[in-house]
C-alpha atoms as a PDB file:
ATOM      1  CA  MET A   1     158.759  97.541 111.972  1.00  0.00           C
ATOM      2  CA  CYS A   2     161.759  97.052 113.857  1.00  0.00           C
ATOM      3  CA  ASP A   3     164.018  93.340 113.985  1.00  0.00           C
ATOM      4  CA  VAL A   4     163.157  92.360 117.729  1.00  0.00           C
ATOM      5  CA  ALA A   5     161.260  88.864 118.124  1.00  0.00           C
ATOM      6  CA  LEU A   6     157.488  88.929 118.704  1.00  0.00           C
ATOM      7  CA  GLU A   7     156.287  87.446 121.877  1.00  0.00           C
ATOM      8  CA  LEU A   8     152.881  87.024 122.940  1.00  0.00           C
ATOM      9  CA  GLY A   9     152.364  89.263 126.618  1.00  0.00           C
ATOM     10  CA  SER A  10     155.854  90.686 126.823  1.00  0.00           C
ATOM     11  CA  ASN A  11     156.308  93.308 123.978  1.00  0.00           C
ATOM     12  CA  TRP A  12     153.120  91.853 122.312  1.00  0.00           C
ATOM     13  CA  SER A  13     149.570  92.185 122.956  1.00  0.00           C
ATOM     14  CA  GLU A  14     146.723  89.347 122.151  1.00  0.00           C
ATOM     15  CA  SER A  15     144.606  92.577 120.559  1.00  0.00           C
ATOM     16  CA  ARG A  16     147.450  93.393 118.687  1.00  0.00           C
ATOM     17  CA  ALA A  17     147.816  89.399 117.318  1.00  0.00           C
ATOM     18  CA  ARG A  18     143.880  89.457 116.855  1.00  0.00           C
ATOM     19  CA  GLN A  19     144.273  92.526 114.341  1.00  0.00           C
ATOM     20  CA  LYS A  20     147.069  91.320 112.637  1.00  0.00           C
ATOM     21  CA  LYS A  21     149.262  94.357 113.795  1.00  0.00           C
ATOM     22  CA  TYR A  22     152.850  92.445 113.757  1.00  0.00           C
ATOM     23  CA  TRP A  23     154.869  95.660 116.081  1.00  0.00           C
ATOM     24  CA  CYS A  24     156.198  95.826 119.168  1.00  0.00           C
ATOM     25  CA  THR A  25     155.201  97.634 122.113  1.00  0.00           C
ATOM     26  CA  ASN A  26     158.060 100.435 121.473  1.00  0.00           C
ATOM     27  CA  CYS A  27     156.679 100.201 117.443  1.00  0.00           C
ATOM     28  CA  GLN A  28     153.568 100.744 118.837  1.00  0.00           C
ATOM     29  CA  LYS A  29     154.109 103.567 120.930  1.00  0.00           C
ATOM     30  CA  LYS A  30     156.382 105.552 117.792  1.00  0.00           C
ATOM     31  CA  ASP A  31     153.475 104.657 115.805  1.00  0.00           C
ATOM     32  CA  ASN A  32     151.403 106.310 118.132  1.00  0.00           C
ATOM     33  CA  ASP A  33     153.321 109.385 118.694  1.00  0.00           C
ATOM     34  CA  ASN A  34     152.698 109.811 114.817  1.00  0.00           C
ATOM     35  CA  ARG A  35     148.952 109.696 114.952  1.00  0.00           C
ATOM     36  CA  MET A  36     146.078 112.777 115.803  1.00  0.00           C
ATOM     37  CA  TYR A  37     143.945 112.212 118.617  1.00  0.00           C
ATOM     38  CA  VAL A  38     141.008 114.666 119.680  1.00  0.00           C
ATOM     39  CA  ASN A  39     139.495 113.836 123.207  1.00  0.00           C
ATOM     40  CA  GLY A  40     141.469 110.777 123.311  1.00  0.00           C
ATOM     41  CA  LYS A  41     139.972 108.855 120.200  1.00  0.00           C
ATOM     42  CA  HIS A  42     142.586 108.504 117.212  1.00  0.00           C
ATOM     43  CA  ILE A  43     141.629 110.201 113.810  1.00  0.00           C
ATOM     44  CA  SER A  44     141.937 108.784 110.916  1.00  0.00           C
ATOM     45  CA  ARG A  45     145.158 110.251 108.078  1.00  0.00           C
ATOM     46  CA  ASN A  46     142.505 110.560 105.833  1.00  0.00           C
ATOM     47  CA  HIS A  47     140.244 112.954 107.785  1.00  0.00           C
ATOM     48  CA  PRO A  48     140.524 116.271 106.385  1.00  0.00           C
ATOM     49  CA  LEU A  49     141.513 118.712 109.423  1.00  0.00           C
ATOM     50  CA  TYR A  50     144.074 115.527 110.096  1.00  0.00           C
ATOM     51  CA  LYS A  51     147.153 117.247 111.905  1.00  0.00           C
ATOM     52  CA  LEU A  52     149.684 115.547 114.079  1.00  0.00           C
ATOM     53  CA  GLY A  53     149.322 115.322 117.556  1.00  0.00           C
ATOM     54  CA  ARG A  54     146.921 115.326 120.587  1.00  0.00           C
ATOM     55  CA  TYR A  55     143.665 117.807 120.910  1.00  0.00           C
ATOM     56  CA  LYS A  56     140.894 118.270 123.067  1.00  0.00           C
ATOM     57  CA  THR A  57     138.801 119.218 120.151  1.00  0.00           C
ATOM     58  CA  PHE A  58     138.974 119.567 116.418  1.00  0.00           C
ATOM     59  CA  ASN A  59     139.269 123.599 117.145  1.00  0.00           C
ATOM     60  CA  ASP A  60     142.112 123.475 118.763  1.00  0.00           C
ATOM     61  CA  ALA A  61     143.862 121.779 116.425  1.00  0.00           C
ATOM     62  CA  ALA A  62     142.765 123.615 113.570  1.00  0.00           C
ATOM     63  CA  PHE A  63     144.208 126.697 115.573  1.00  0.00           C
ATOM     64  CA  ALA A  64     146.938 125.141 116.754  1.00  0.00           C
ATOM     65  CA  GLY A  65     150.733 126.497 115.925  1.00  0.00           C
ATOM     66  CA  THR A  66     149.004 129.184 114.073  1.00  0.00           C
ATOM     67  CA  TYR A  67     146.867 131.286 116.275  1.00  0.00           C
ATOM     68  CA  LYS A  68     147.497 131.244 119.894  1.00  0.00           C
ATOM     69  CA  LEU A  69     144.862 132.174 122.305  1.00  0.00           C
ATOM     70  CA  ASP A  70     146.960 132.073 125.220  1.00  0.00           C
ATOM     71  CA  SER A  71     148.885 135.306 123.817  1.00  0.00           C
ATOM     72  CA  ILE A  72     146.429 137.339 123.668  1.00  0.00           C
ATOM     73  CA  LYS A  73     145.818 139.519 126.859  1.00  0.00           C
ATOM     74  CA  GLU A  74     143.460 141.744 126.316  1.00  0.00           C
ATOM     75  CA  GLY A  75     139.662 140.502 126.372  1.00  0.00           C
ATOM     76  CA  TYR A  76     136.921 140.255 129.213  1.00  0.00           C
ATOM     77  CA  VAL A  77     136.483 139.069 132.859  1.00  0.00           C
ATOM     78  CA  TYR A  78     132.728 138.482 133.344  1.00  0.00           C
ATOM     79  CA  VAL A  79     130.065 136.702 135.685  1.00  0.00           C
ATOM     80  CA  ILE A  80     127.297 134.690 134.125  1.00  0.00           C
ATOM     81  CA  THR A  81     124.568 132.637 136.043  1.00  0.00           C
ATOM     82  CA  ASN A  82     122.697 129.550 136.038  1.00  0.00           C
ATOM     83  CA  LYS A  83     118.842 129.729 137.364  1.00  0.00           C
ATOM     84  CA  ALA A  84     119.100 125.974 137.963  1.00  0.00           C
ATOM     85  CA  TRP A  85     121.679 126.998 140.602  1.00  0.00           C
ATOM     86  CA  PRO A  86     120.431 130.336 142.169  1.00  0.00           C
ATOM     87  CA  GLU A  87     122.961 131.380 144.790  1.00  0.00           C
ATOM     88  CA  TRP A  88     125.935 130.849 142.541  1.00  0.00           C
ATOM     89  CA  VAL A  89     127.759 132.810 140.251  1.00  0.00           C
ATOM     90  CA  LYS A  90     130.729 132.081 137.667  1.00  0.00           C
ATOM     91  CA  ILE A  91     133.727 134.746 137.491  1.00  0.00           C
ATOM     92  CA  GLY A  92     135.622 133.966 134.325  1.00  0.00           C
ATOM     93  CA  MET A  93     137.323 135.569 131.885  1.00  0.00           C
ATOM     94  CA  ALA A  94     137.529 135.209 127.457  1.00  0.00           C
ATOM     95  CA  ILE A  95     138.770 136.671 124.377  1.00  0.00           C
ATOM     96  CA  ASP A  96     134.533 137.750 124.177  1.00  0.00           C
ATOM     97  CA  ALA A  97     132.247 137.345 127.037  1.00  0.00           C
ATOM     98  CA  GLU A  98     129.398 137.035 124.411  1.00  0.00           C
ATOM     99  CA  ASP A  99     131.038 134.426 122.437  1.00  0.00           C
ATOM    100  CA  ARG A 100     132.028 132.372 125.563  1.00  0.00           C
ATOM    101  CA  LEU A 101     128.427 132.292 127.021  1.00  0.00           C
ATOM    102  CA  ASN A 102     127.399 131.193 123.947  1.00  0.00           C
ATOM    103  CA  GLY A 103     129.492 127.978 124.346  1.00  0.00           C
ATOM    104  CA  TYR A 104     127.621 127.433 127.864  1.00  0.00           C
ATOM    105  CA  GLN A 105     124.478 127.398 125.385  1.00  0.00           C
ATOM    106  CA  THR A 106     125.389 124.597 123.871  1.00  0.00           C
ATOM    107  CA  SER A 107     126.215 122.426 126.914  1.00  0.00           C
ATOM    108  CA  SER A 108     123.209 123.584 128.314  1.00  0.00           C
ATOM    109  CA  PRO A 109     119.507 121.910 126.865  1.00  0.00           C
ATOM    110  CA  MET A 110     117.271 124.942 128.108  1.00  0.00           C
ATOM    111  CA  ARG A 111     120.078 127.683 126.882  1.00  0.00           C
ATOM    112  CA  ASP A 112     119.762 128.803 130.347  1.00  0.00           C
ATOM    113  CA  PHE A 113     123.190 130.877 131.214  1.00  0.00           C
ATOM    114  CA  VAL A 114     122.987 134.449 131.616  1.00  0.00           C
ATOM    115  CA  LEU A 115     125.599 136.703 130.785  1.00  0.00           C
ATOM    116  CA  GLU A 116     125.472 139.275 133.637  1.00  0.00           C
ATOM    117  CA  HIS A 117     128.136 141.403 133.737  1.00  0.00           C
ATOM    118  CA  SER A 118     131.277 142.134 131.832  1.00  0.00           C
ATOM    119  CA  VAL A 119     134.245 144.490 132.001  1.00  0.00           C
ATOM    120  CA  ALA A 120     137.047 144.844 129.202  1.00  0.00           C
ATOM    121  CA  SER A 121     140.798 144.121 130.718  1.00  0.00           C
ATOM    122  CA  ASN A 122     144.225 144.171 129.556  1.00  0.00           C
ATOM    123  CA  ASP A 123     144.832 141.502 130.701  1.00  0.00           C
ATOM    124  CA  ARG A 124     142.288 138.841 131.362  1.00  0.00           C
ATOM    125  CA  ARG A 125     144.169 136.608 133.224  1.00  0.00           C
ATOM    126  CA  MET A 126     145.536 138.715 136.265  1.00  0.00           C
ATOM    127  CA  SER A 127     141.775 140.466 135.911  1.00  0.00           C
ATOM    128  CA  GLU A 128     140.588 137.175 136.498  1.00  0.00           C
ATOM    129  CA  LYS A 129     142.612 136.238 138.763  1.00  0.00           C
ATOM    130  CA  GLU A 130     142.115 139.386 141.281  1.00  0.00           C
ATOM    131  CA  ALA A 131     138.472 138.653 140.552  1.00  0.00           C
ATOM    132  CA  HIS A 132     138.487 135.200 142.469  1.00  0.00           C
ATOM    133  CA  THR A 133     140.961 136.433 145.495  1.00  0.00           C
ATOM    134  CA  ARG A 134     138.302 139.183 145.923  1.00  0.00           C
ATOM    135  CA  ALA A 135     135.409 136.996 145.694  1.00  0.00           C
ATOM    136  CA  LEU A 136     136.363 134.113 147.578  1.00  0.00           C
ATOM    137  CA  PRO A 137     136.458 135.494 151.281  1.00  0.00           C
ATOM    138  CA  LEU A 138     133.033 136.971 150.347  1.00  0.00           C
ATOM    139  CA  SER A 139     131.361 133.387 148.737  1.00  0.00           C
ATOM    140  CA  LEU A 140     129.576 131.099 151.652  1.00  0.00           C
ATOM    141  CA  ASP A 141     131.138 128.285 148.907  1.00  0.00           C
ATOM    142  CA  SER A 142     133.334 127.553 145.828  1.00  0.00           C
ATOM    143  CA  LYS A 143     133.922 125.338 143.517  1.00  0.00           C
ATOM    144  CA  GLY A 144     136.533 126.714 140.761  1.00  0.00           C
ATOM    145  CA  GLU A 145     135.510 129.772 138.992  1.00  0.00           C
ATOM    146  CA  TRP A 146     132.082 129.163 140.573  1.00  0.00           C
ATOM    147  CA  PHE A 147     131.130 130.687 143.724  1.00  0.00           C
ATOM    148  CA  LYS A 148     127.870 131.222 145.934  1.00  0.00           C
ATOM    149  CA  LEU A 149     127.706 134.571 146.365  1.00  0.00           C
ATOM    150  CA  SER A 150     125.324 137.452 144.831  1.00  0.00           C
ATOM    151  CA  VAL A 151     125.016 138.662 141.793  1.00  0.00           C
ATOM    152  CA  GLU A 152     125.470 142.365 142.814  1.00  0.00           C
ATOM    153  CA  GLN A 153     128.544 141.072 144.818  1.00  0.00           C
ATOM    154  CA  ALA A 154     130.268 139.830 141.867  1.00  0.00           C
ATOM    155  CA  ILE A 155     129.307 142.859 139.690  1.00  0.00           C
ATOM    156  CA  THR A 156     131.178 145.054 142.061  1.00  0.00           C
ATOM    157  CA  ILE A 157     134.091 142.915 142.412  1.00  0.00           C
ATOM    158  CA  LEU A 158     134.482 143.270 139.093  1.00  0.00           C
ATOM    159  CA  ASP A 159     133.684 146.809 138.305  1.00  0.00           C
ATOM    160  CA  ASN A 160     136.751 147.749 140.937  1.00  0.00           C
ATOM    161  CA  LEU A 161     139.196 145.371 139.785  1.00  0.00           C
ATOM    162  CA  ASN A 162     142.786 147.372 139.648  1.00  0.00           C
ATOM    163  CA  GLU A 163     143.833 146.701 136.313  1.00  0.00           C
ATOM    164  CA  HIS A 164     147.445 146.109 137.381  1.00  0.00           C
ATOM    165  CA  GLY A 165     148.465 150.014 136.230  1.00  0.00           C
ATOM    166  CA  TYR A 166     146.270 149.834 133.474  1.00  0.00           C
ATOM    167  CA  THR A 167     143.234 151.752 132.083  1.00  0.00           C
ATOM    168  CA  ARG A 168     139.884 149.170 131.951  1.00  0.00           C
ATOM    169  CA  ALA A 169     137.803 150.410 129.239  1.00  0.00           C
ATOM    170  CA  THR A 170     134.106 151.146 130.477  1.00  0.00           C
ATOM    171  CA  LYS A 171     130.942 151.845 129.247  1.00  0.00           C
ATOM    172  CA  GLU A 172     130.581 155.814 129.807  1.00  0.00           C
ATOM    173  CA  ALA A 173     126.636 156.399 131.703  1.00  0.00           C
ATOM    174  CA  ASN A 174     124.441 158.853 129.707  1.00  0.00           C
ATOM    175  CA  PRO A 175     125.667 162.270 130.606  1.00  0.00           C
ATOM    176  CA  ILE A 176     123.564 164.309 132.799  1.00  0.00           C
ATOM    177  CA  PRO A 177     122.299 167.186 130.615  1.00  0.00           C
ATOM    178  CA  LYS A 178     123.918 170.959 132.278  1.00  0.00           C
ATOM    179  CA  GLU A 179     120.863 172.219 133.371  1.00  0.00           C
ATOM    180  CA  ASP A 180     119.673 169.707 135.217  1.00  0.00           C
ATOM    181  CA  ASN A 181     123.511 169.099 137.211  1.00  0.00           C
ATOM    182  CA  LEU A 182     122.823 172.240 139.643  1.00  0.00           C
ATOM    183  CA  GLN A 183     125.928 170.731 141.725  1.00  0.00           C
ATOM    184  CA  GLY A 184     128.129 170.442 138.769  1.00  0.00           C
ATOM    185  CA  SER A 185     127.577 174.279 138.301  1.00  0.00           C
ATOM    186  CA  LEU A 186     128.566 175.124 141.693  1.00  0.00           C
ATOM    187  CA  PHE A 187     132.193 174.284 141.382  1.00  0.00           C
END
Protein backbone atom coordinates (compact mmCIF):
# COMPACT_ATOMS: atom_id res chain seq x y z
CA MET A 1 0.00 0.00 0.00
CA CYS A 2 2.98 2.25 0.56
CA ASP A 3 6.46 2.06 -0.93
CA VAL A 4 8.31 0.82 2.16
CA ALA A 5 10.39 -2.37 1.85
CA LEU A 6 8.79 -5.24 3.77
CA GLU A 7 11.05 -6.92 6.33
CA LEU A 8 9.76 -10.06 8.06
CA GLY A 9 9.75 -9.55 11.84
CA SER A 10 10.39 -5.82 11.57
CA ASN A 11 7.49 -4.19 9.77
CA TRP A 12 5.77 -7.29 8.41
CA SER A 13 4.53 -10.41 10.20
CA GLU A 14 4.61 -14.08 9.31
CA SER A 15 0.81 -14.33 9.52
CA ARG A 16 0.40 -11.60 6.90
CA ALA A 17 2.99 -13.34 4.71
CA ARG A 18 0.96 -16.60 4.88
CA GLN A 19 -2.19 -14.67 4.00
CA LYS A 20 -0.34 -12.97 1.12
CA LYS A 21 -1.13 -9.54 2.54
CA TYR A 22 1.76 -7.41 1.45
CA TRP A 23 1.21 -4.52 3.84
CA CYS A 24 3.58 -2.99 6.35
CA THR A 25 2.50 -2.63 10.00
CA ASN A 26 1.57 1.05 9.52
CA CYS A 27 -0.64 0.27 6.52
CA GLN A 28 -2.28 -2.58 8.47
CA LYS A 29 -3.12 -0.15 11.29
CA LYS A 30 -4.60 2.34 8.83
CA ASP A 31 -6.67 -0.45 7.25
CA ASN A 32 -7.88 -1.59 10.70
CA ASP A 33 -9.07 1.94 11.44
CA ASN A 34 -11.26 1.74 8.33
CA ARG A 35 -13.14 -1.38 9.41
CA MET A 36 -16.05 -2.33 11.60
CA TYR A 37 -15.54 -4.28 14.81
CA VAL A 38 -18.27 -5.58 17.09
CA ASN A 39 -17.16 -6.93 20.45
CA GLY A 40 -13.59 -7.08 19.13
CA LYS A 41 -14.45 -9.12 16.02
CA HIS A 42 -14.01 -7.83 12.48
CA ILE A 43 -17.23 -7.45 10.49
CA SER A 44 -17.12 -7.83 6.72
CA ARG A 45 -17.88 -4.81 4.57
CA ASN A 46 -20.58 -6.96 2.95
CA HIS A 47 -22.53 -7.24 6.21
CA PRO A 48 -25.93 -5.48 5.93
CA LEU A 49 -25.31 -3.54 9.18
CA TYR A 50 -21.75 -2.51 8.27
CA LYS A 51 -20.79 0.83 9.77
CA LEU A 52 -17.22 1.99 10.23
CA GLY A 53 -16.05 1.95 13.86
CA ARG A 54 -15.70 -0.13 17.02
CA TYR A 55 -18.86 -1.14 18.89
CA LYS A 56 -19.83 -3.43 21.77
CA THR A 57 -23.01 -4.67 20.05
CA PHE A 58 -24.74 -4.37 16.69
CA ASN A 59 -27.40 -2.35 18.50
CA ASP A 60 -24.73 0.20 19.49
CA ALA A 61 -23.61 0.38 15.86
CA ALA A 62 -27.17 0.81 14.58
CA PHE A 63 -27.81 3.81 16.82
CA ALA A 64 -24.33 5.36 16.85
CA GLY A 65 -24.42 8.98 15.77
CA THR A 66 -28.18 9.04 15.29
CA TYR A 67 -29.66 8.24 18.69
CA LYS A 68 -27.62 8.96 21.78
CA LEU A 69 -29.00 7.15 24.82
CA ASP A 70 -26.56 9.08 26.97
CA SER A 71 -28.24 12.36 26.07
CA ILE A 72 -31.58 11.22 27.54
CA LYS A 73 -31.70 12.27 31.19
CA GLU A 74 -35.13 10.94 32.12
CA GLY A 75 -35.67 7.34 33.10
CA TYR A 76 -35.87 5.07 36.11
CA VAL A 77 -33.77 4.02 39.04
CA TYR A 78 -34.57 0.42 39.92
CA VAL A 79 -33.94 -2.47 42.31
CA ILE A 80 -33.41 -5.90 40.75
CA THR A 81 -32.86 -9.15 42.62
CA ASN A 82 -32.06 -12.75 41.76
CA LYS A 83 -32.82 -15.68 44.05
CA ALA A 84 -29.39 -17.11 43.21
CA TRP A 85 -27.95 -14.28 45.36
CA PRO A 86 -30.63 -13.87 48.05
CA GLU A 87 -28.93 -11.20 50.14
CA TRP A 88 -27.90 -9.00 47.21
CA VAL A 89 -29.78 -6.28 45.31
CA LYS A 90 -28.79 -4.35 42.22
CA ILE A 91 -29.50 -0.64 42.22
CA GLY A 92 -29.26 0.64 38.68
CA MET A 93 -30.71 3.07 36.19
CA ALA A 94 -32.24 2.76 32.75
CA ILE A 95 -34.47 4.62 30.36
CA ASP A 96 -36.97 1.78 30.78
CA ALA A 97 -36.68 -0.48 33.85
CA GLU A 98 -38.79 -3.28 32.33
CA ASP A 99 -36.60 -3.32 29.23
CA ARG A 100 -33.48 -3.52 31.41
CA LEU A 101 -35.03 -6.45 33.29
CA ASN A 102 -35.61 -8.23 29.97
CA GLY A 103 -31.95 -7.68 29.14
CA TYR A 104 -30.94 -9.42 32.36
CA GLN A 105 -33.31 -12.29 31.65
CA THR A 106 -31.57 -13.08 28.36
CA SER A 107 -28.33 -13.74 30.23
CA SER A 108 -30.00 -16.00 32.80
CA PRO A 109 -31.09 -19.49 31.75
CA MET A 110 -33.60 -19.57 34.62
CA ARG A 111 -35.09 -16.13 33.82
CA ASP A 112 -35.04 -15.52 37.57
CA PHE A 113 -34.28 -11.81 37.85
CA VAL A 114 -37.07 -9.81 39.51
CA LEU A 115 -37.73 -6.09 39.20
CA GLU A 116 -38.58 -5.33 42.82
CA HIS A 117 -39.14 -1.60 42.52
CA SER A 118 -38.51 1.37 40.26
CA VAL A 119 -39.00 5.11 40.49
CA ALA A 120 -39.19 7.61 37.66
CA SER A 121 -36.52 10.28 37.59
CA ASN A 122 -35.87 13.47 35.67
CA ASP A 123 -32.11 12.78 35.92
CA ARG A 124 -31.56 9.04 36.18
CA ARG A 125 -27.76 9.27 36.41
CA MET A 126 -27.78 11.68 39.34
CA SER A 127 -30.52 9.70 41.08
CA GLU A 128 -28.61 6.46 40.66
CA LYS A 129 -25.46 8.09 42.03
CA GLU A 130 -27.39 9.36 45.05
CA ALA A 131 -28.95 5.91 45.60
CA HIS A 132 -25.51 4.27 45.51
CA THR A 133 -24.15 6.85 47.95
CA ARG A 134 -27.01 6.12 50.36
CA ALA A 135 -26.78 2.33 49.94
CA LEU A 136 -23.05 2.06 50.56
CA PRO A 137 -23.04 2.75 54.32
CA LEU A 138 -26.07 0.49 54.86
CA SER A 139 -24.73 -2.50 52.93
CA LEU A 140 -22.63 -5.24 54.47
CA ASP A 141 -20.71 -5.54 51.20
CA SER A 142 -20.86 -4.10 47.70
CA LYS A 143 -19.60 -4.98 44.25
CA GLY A 144 -20.19 -2.25 41.69
CA GLU A 145 -23.94 -1.71 41.53
CA TRP A 146 -24.72 -4.77 43.67
CA PHE A 147 -25.25 -4.22 47.38
CA LYS A 148 -25.66 -6.70 50.21
CA LEU A 149 -28.76 -5.25 51.86
CA SER A 150 -32.44 -6.06 52.13
CA VAL A 151 -34.94 -5.35 49.39
CA GLU A 152 -36.88 -3.20 51.87
CA GLN A 153 -33.81 -1.05 52.54
CA ALA A 154 -33.21 -0.60 48.81
CA ILE A 155 -36.84 0.36 48.18
CA THR A 156 -36.70 2.90 51.02
CA ILE A 157 -33.56 4.42 49.49
CA LEU A 158 -35.26 4.81 46.10
CA ASP A 159 -38.46 6.21 47.58
CA ASN A 160 -36.49 8.88 49.47
CA LEU A 161 -34.27 10.16 46.66
CA ASN A 162 -33.92 13.93 46.67
CA GLU A 163 -34.22 14.26 42.89
CA HIS A 164 -31.98 17.34 42.99
CA GLY A 165 -34.79 19.87 42.95
CA TYR A 166 -36.87 17.93 40.42
CA THR A 167 -40.27 16.44 41.06
CA ARG A 168 -40.19 12.67 40.76
CA ALA A 169 -43.21 11.00 39.24
CA THR A 170 -44.67 8.45 41.65
CA LYS A 171 -47.77 6.36 41.43
CA GLU A 172 -50.63 7.79 43.44
CA ALA A 173 -51.92 5.55 46.25
CA ASN A 174 -55.58 4.61 46.19
CA PRO A 175 -57.42 7.50 47.86
CA ILE A 176 -59.32 6.72 51.02
CA PRO A 177 -63.03 7.50 50.68
CA LYS A 178 -64.03 10.66 52.59
CA GLU A 179 -66.35 8.77 54.93
CA ASP A 180 -63.46 6.50 56.00
CA ASN A 181 -61.06 9.40 56.48
CA LEU A 182 -62.19 10.62 59.91
CA GLN A 183 -58.85 12.14 60.81
CA GLY A 184 -58.82 14.16 57.59
CA SER A 185 -62.27 15.54 58.31
CA LEU A 186 -61.14 16.94 61.66
CA PHE A 187 -58.66 19.31 60.06
